Amino acid sequence: MDEENFNLSMRKFLKMVGVSSQHEIEKAVAAAIADGSIKGTESFPAKVTLDVAGIKLNVSFDGEIRLQ
């Protein structure tokens, strides 16, 4: 295994996931505020599941997104 290539590809993947996830959450919050379904002061439970089939990895991460 090439450690340097492995770490580089993993960081690239995680950066893409982080940036894309943030963008999607921001869009969803803006749309929900615009249509009046939320006020913008709420907190929401959040969950992300990481699945890498080739190494039989399936793990979930729970957290909270607070708008205020």
N, C-alpha and C. Protein backbone atom coordinates (compact mmCIF):
# COMPACT_ATOMS: atom_id res chain seq x y z
N MET A 1 0.84 -1.18 0.00
CA MET A 1 0.00 0.00 0.00
C MET A 1 0.89 1.24 0.00
N ASP A 2 0.48 2.22 -0.78
CA ASP A 2 1.18 3.49 -0.85
C ASP A 2 0.50 4.45 0.13
N GLU A 3 1.10 4.61 1.32
CA GLU A 3 0.51 5.43 2.39
C GLU A 3 0.22 6.86 1.93
N GLU A 4 1.15 7.44 1.20
CA GLU A 4 0.98 8.84 0.78
C GLU A 4 -0.23 8.97 -0.16
N ASN A 5 -0.35 8.08 -1.13
CA ASN A 5 -1.48 8.11 -2.06
C ASN A 5 -2.79 7.82 -1.32
N PHE A 6 -2.76 6.87 -0.41
CA PHE A 6 -3.94 6.52 0.38
C PHE A 6 -4.43 7.73 1.17
N ASN A 7 -3.51 8.38 1.90
CA ASN A 7 -3.88 9.54 2.71
C ASN A 7 -4.37 10.71 1.85
N LEU A 8 -3.73 10.92 0.70
CA LEU A 8 -4.15 11.99 -0.20
C LEU A 8 -5.55 11.74 -0.74
N SER A 9 -5.82 10.52 -1.18
CA SER A 9 -7.14 10.22 -1.73
C SER A 9 -8.21 10.27 -0.66
N MET A 10 -7.88 9.84 0.55
CA MET A 10 -8.84 9.88 1.65
C MET A 10 -9.16 11.34 2.00
N ARG A 11 -8.15 12.20 2.09
CA ARG A 11 -8.39 13.61 2.39
C ARG A 11 -9.22 14.28 1.30
N LYS A 12 -8.94 13.94 0.05
CA LYS A 12 -9.70 14.49 -1.08
C LYS A 12 -11.17 14.08 -0.98
N PHE A 13 -11.41 12.81 -0.69
CA PHE A 13 -12.79 12.31 -0.54
C PHE A 13 -13.49 13.02 0.61
N LEU A 14 -12.85 13.10 1.77
CA LEU A 14 -13.46 13.73 2.95
C LEU A 14 -13.72 15.22 2.73
N LYS A 15 -12.83 15.90 2.02
CA LYS A 15 -13.05 17.31 1.71
C LYS A 15 -14.28 17.46 0.81
N MET A 16 -14.39 16.62 -0.21
CA MET A 16 -15.54 16.66 -1.11
C MET A 16 -16.83 16.41 -0.34
N VAL A 17 -16.82 15.42 0.54
CA VAL A 17 -18.00 15.11 1.35
C VAL A 17 -18.35 16.29 2.25
N GLY A 18 -17.38 16.86 2.91
CA GLY A 18 -17.62 17.98 3.82
C GLY A 18 -18.18 19.20 3.11
N VAL A 19 -17.56 19.59 2.01
CA VAL A 19 -17.99 20.77 1.27
C VAL A 19 -19.37 20.53 0.66
N SER A 20 -19.57 19.39 0.04
CA SER A 20 -20.86 19.08 -0.59
C SER A 20 -21.98 18.98 0.46
N SER A 21 -21.69 18.35 1.58
CA SER A 21 -22.68 18.22 2.64
C SER A 21 -23.08 19.58 3.19
N GLN A 22 -22.11 20.44 3.43
CA GLN A 22 -22.41 21.77 3.94
C GLN A 22 -23.29 22.53 2.96
N HIS A 23 -22.96 22.45 1.68
CA HIS A 23 -23.74 23.15 0.65
C HIS A 23 -25.19 22.65 0.63
N GLU A 24 -25.38 21.35 0.70
CA GLU A 24 -26.73 20.78 0.68
C GLU A 24 -27.53 21.17 1.92
N ILE A 25 -26.88 21.17 3.07
CA ILE A 25 -27.57 21.57 4.30
C ILE A 25 -27.96 23.04 4.23
N GLU A 26 -27.05 23.89 3.77
CA GLU A 26 -27.36 25.31 3.65
C GLU A 26 -28.54 25.55 2.70
N LYS A 27 -28.57 24.84 1.57
CA LYS A 27 -29.69 24.98 0.62
C LYS A 27 -31.00 24.54 1.25
N ALA A 28 -30.98 23.41 1.96
CA ALA A 28 -32.20 22.89 2.57
C ALA A 28 -32.72 23.82 3.67
N VAL A 29 -31.82 24.38 4.47
CA VAL A 29 -32.22 25.31 5.52
C VAL A 29 -32.81 26.58 4.90
N ALA A 30 -32.15 27.12 3.90
CA ALA A 30 -32.66 28.33 3.24
C ALA A 30 -34.04 28.09 2.64
N ALA A 31 -34.24 26.95 2.00
CA ALA A 31 -35.53 26.63 1.40
C ALA A 31 -36.61 26.47 2.47
N ALA A 32 -36.27 25.82 3.58
CA ALA A 32 -37.23 25.61 4.66
C ALA A 32 -37.61 26.94 5.34
N ILE A 33 -36.65 27.84 5.48
CA ILE A 33 -36.95 29.16 6.03
C ILE A 33 -37.83 29.94 5.05
N ALA A 34 -37.49 29.87 3.77
CA ALA A 34 -38.25 30.60 2.75
C ALA A 34 -39.69 30.13 2.65
N ASP A 35 -39.91 28.83 2.79
CA ASP A 35 -41.29 28.34 2.67
C ASP A 35 -42.04 28.33 4.00
N GLY A 36 -41.37 28.79 5.06
CA GLY A 36 -42.01 28.94 6.35
C GLY A 36 -42.13 27.68 7.18
N SER A 37 -41.51 26.60 6.74
CA SER A 37 -41.63 25.36 7.51
C SER A 37 -40.74 25.34 8.76
N ILE A 38 -39.73 26.21 8.79
CA ILE A 38 -38.93 26.41 10.01
C ILE A 38 -38.73 27.92 10.20
N LYS A 39 -38.39 28.29 11.42
CA LYS A 39 -38.20 29.71 11.74
C LYS A 39 -36.75 30.17 11.62
N GLY A 40 -35.82 29.22 11.73
CA GLY A 40 -34.40 29.57 11.70
C GLY A 40 -33.78 29.62 13.07
N THR A 41 -34.50 29.15 14.07
CA THR A 41 -33.97 29.13 15.43
C THR A 41 -33.87 27.71 15.98
N GLU A 42 -34.21 26.74 15.15
CA GLU A 42 -34.27 25.35 15.59
C GLU A 42 -32.90 24.69 15.65
N SER A 43 -32.92 23.50 16.24
CA SER A 43 -31.79 22.57 16.20
C SER A 43 -32.31 21.27 15.63
N PHE A 44 -31.48 20.60 14.87
CA PHE A 44 -31.89 19.35 14.23
C PHE A 44 -30.88 18.25 14.48
N PRO A 45 -31.35 17.06 14.84
CA PRO A 45 -30.42 15.94 14.91
C PRO A 45 -29.95 15.61 13.49
N ALA A 46 -28.72 15.21 13.37
CA ALA A 46 -28.16 14.87 12.05
C ALA A 46 -27.39 13.56 12.16
N LYS A 47 -27.40 12.83 11.07
CA LYS A 47 -26.71 11.54 11.04
C LYS A 47 -26.05 11.36 9.67
N VAL A 48 -24.82 10.90 9.68
CA VAL A 48 -24.09 10.58 8.46
C VAL A 48 -23.64 9.14 8.56
N THR A 49 -23.83 8.41 7.48
CA THR A 49 -23.37 7.02 7.44
C THR A 49 -22.28 6.89 6.39
N LEU A 50 -21.16 6.33 6.79
CA LEU A 50 -20.03 6.08 5.90
C LEU A 50 -20.03 4.61 5.56
N ASP A 51 -20.08 4.31 4.27
CA ASP A 51 -20.13 2.93 3.81
C ASP A 51 -19.05 2.71 2.77
N VAL A 52 -18.09 1.85 3.06
CA VAL A 52 -17.04 1.49 2.12
C VAL A 52 -17.12 -0.03 1.95
N ALA A 53 -17.84 -0.45 0.93
CA ALA A 53 -18.17 -1.86 0.76
C ALA A 53 -16.94 -2.77 0.65
N GLY A 54 -15.92 -2.32 -0.05
CA GLY A 54 -14.74 -3.16 -0.28
C GLY A 54 -14.00 -3.58 0.97
N ILE A 55 -14.15 -2.82 2.05
CA ILE A 55 -13.48 -3.19 3.31
C ILE A 55 -14.50 -3.45 4.42
N LYS A 56 -15.75 -3.61 4.03
CA LYS A 56 -16.83 -3.93 4.97
C LYS A 56 -16.90 -2.92 6.11
N LEU A 57 -16.82 -1.65 5.74
CA LEU A 57 -16.94 -0.57 6.72
C LEU A 57 -18.31 0.07 6.59
N ASN A 58 -19.04 0.12 7.68
CA ASN A 58 -20.32 0.81 7.72
C ASN A 58 -20.45 1.39 9.12
N VAL A 59 -20.29 2.71 9.22
CA VAL A 59 -20.30 3.37 10.52
C VAL A 59 -21.12 4.65 10.41
N SER A 60 -21.86 4.95 11.47
CA SER A 60 -22.68 6.16 11.49
C SER A 60 -22.14 7.14 12.51
N PHE A 61 -22.33 8.42 12.20
CA PHE A 61 -21.92 9.51 13.07
C PHE A 61 -23.15 10.36 13.34
N ASP A 62 -23.46 10.57 14.61
CA ASP A 62 -24.62 11.36 15.00
C ASP A 62 -24.15 12.70 15.55
N GLY A 63 -24.96 13.71 15.29
CA GLY A 63 -24.64 15.03 15.80
C GLY A 63 -25.87 15.91 15.79
N GLU A 64 -25.64 17.21 15.87
CA GLU A 64 -26.72 18.17 15.91
C GLU A 64 -26.32 19.39 15.10
N ILE A 65 -27.29 19.93 14.36
CA ILE A 65 -27.07 21.17 13.63
C ILE A 65 -27.97 22.22 14.27
N ARG A 66 -27.36 23.25 14.81
CA ARG A 66 -28.11 24.31 15.50
C ARG A 66 -28.11 25.55 14.62
N LEU A 67 -29.28 26.11 14.40
CA LEU A 67 -29.40 27.29 13.56
C LEU A 67 -29.18 28.58 14.34
N GLN A 68 -29.19 28.48 15.65
CA GLN A 68 -28.95 29.67 16.45
C GLN A 68 -28.16 29.33 17.68
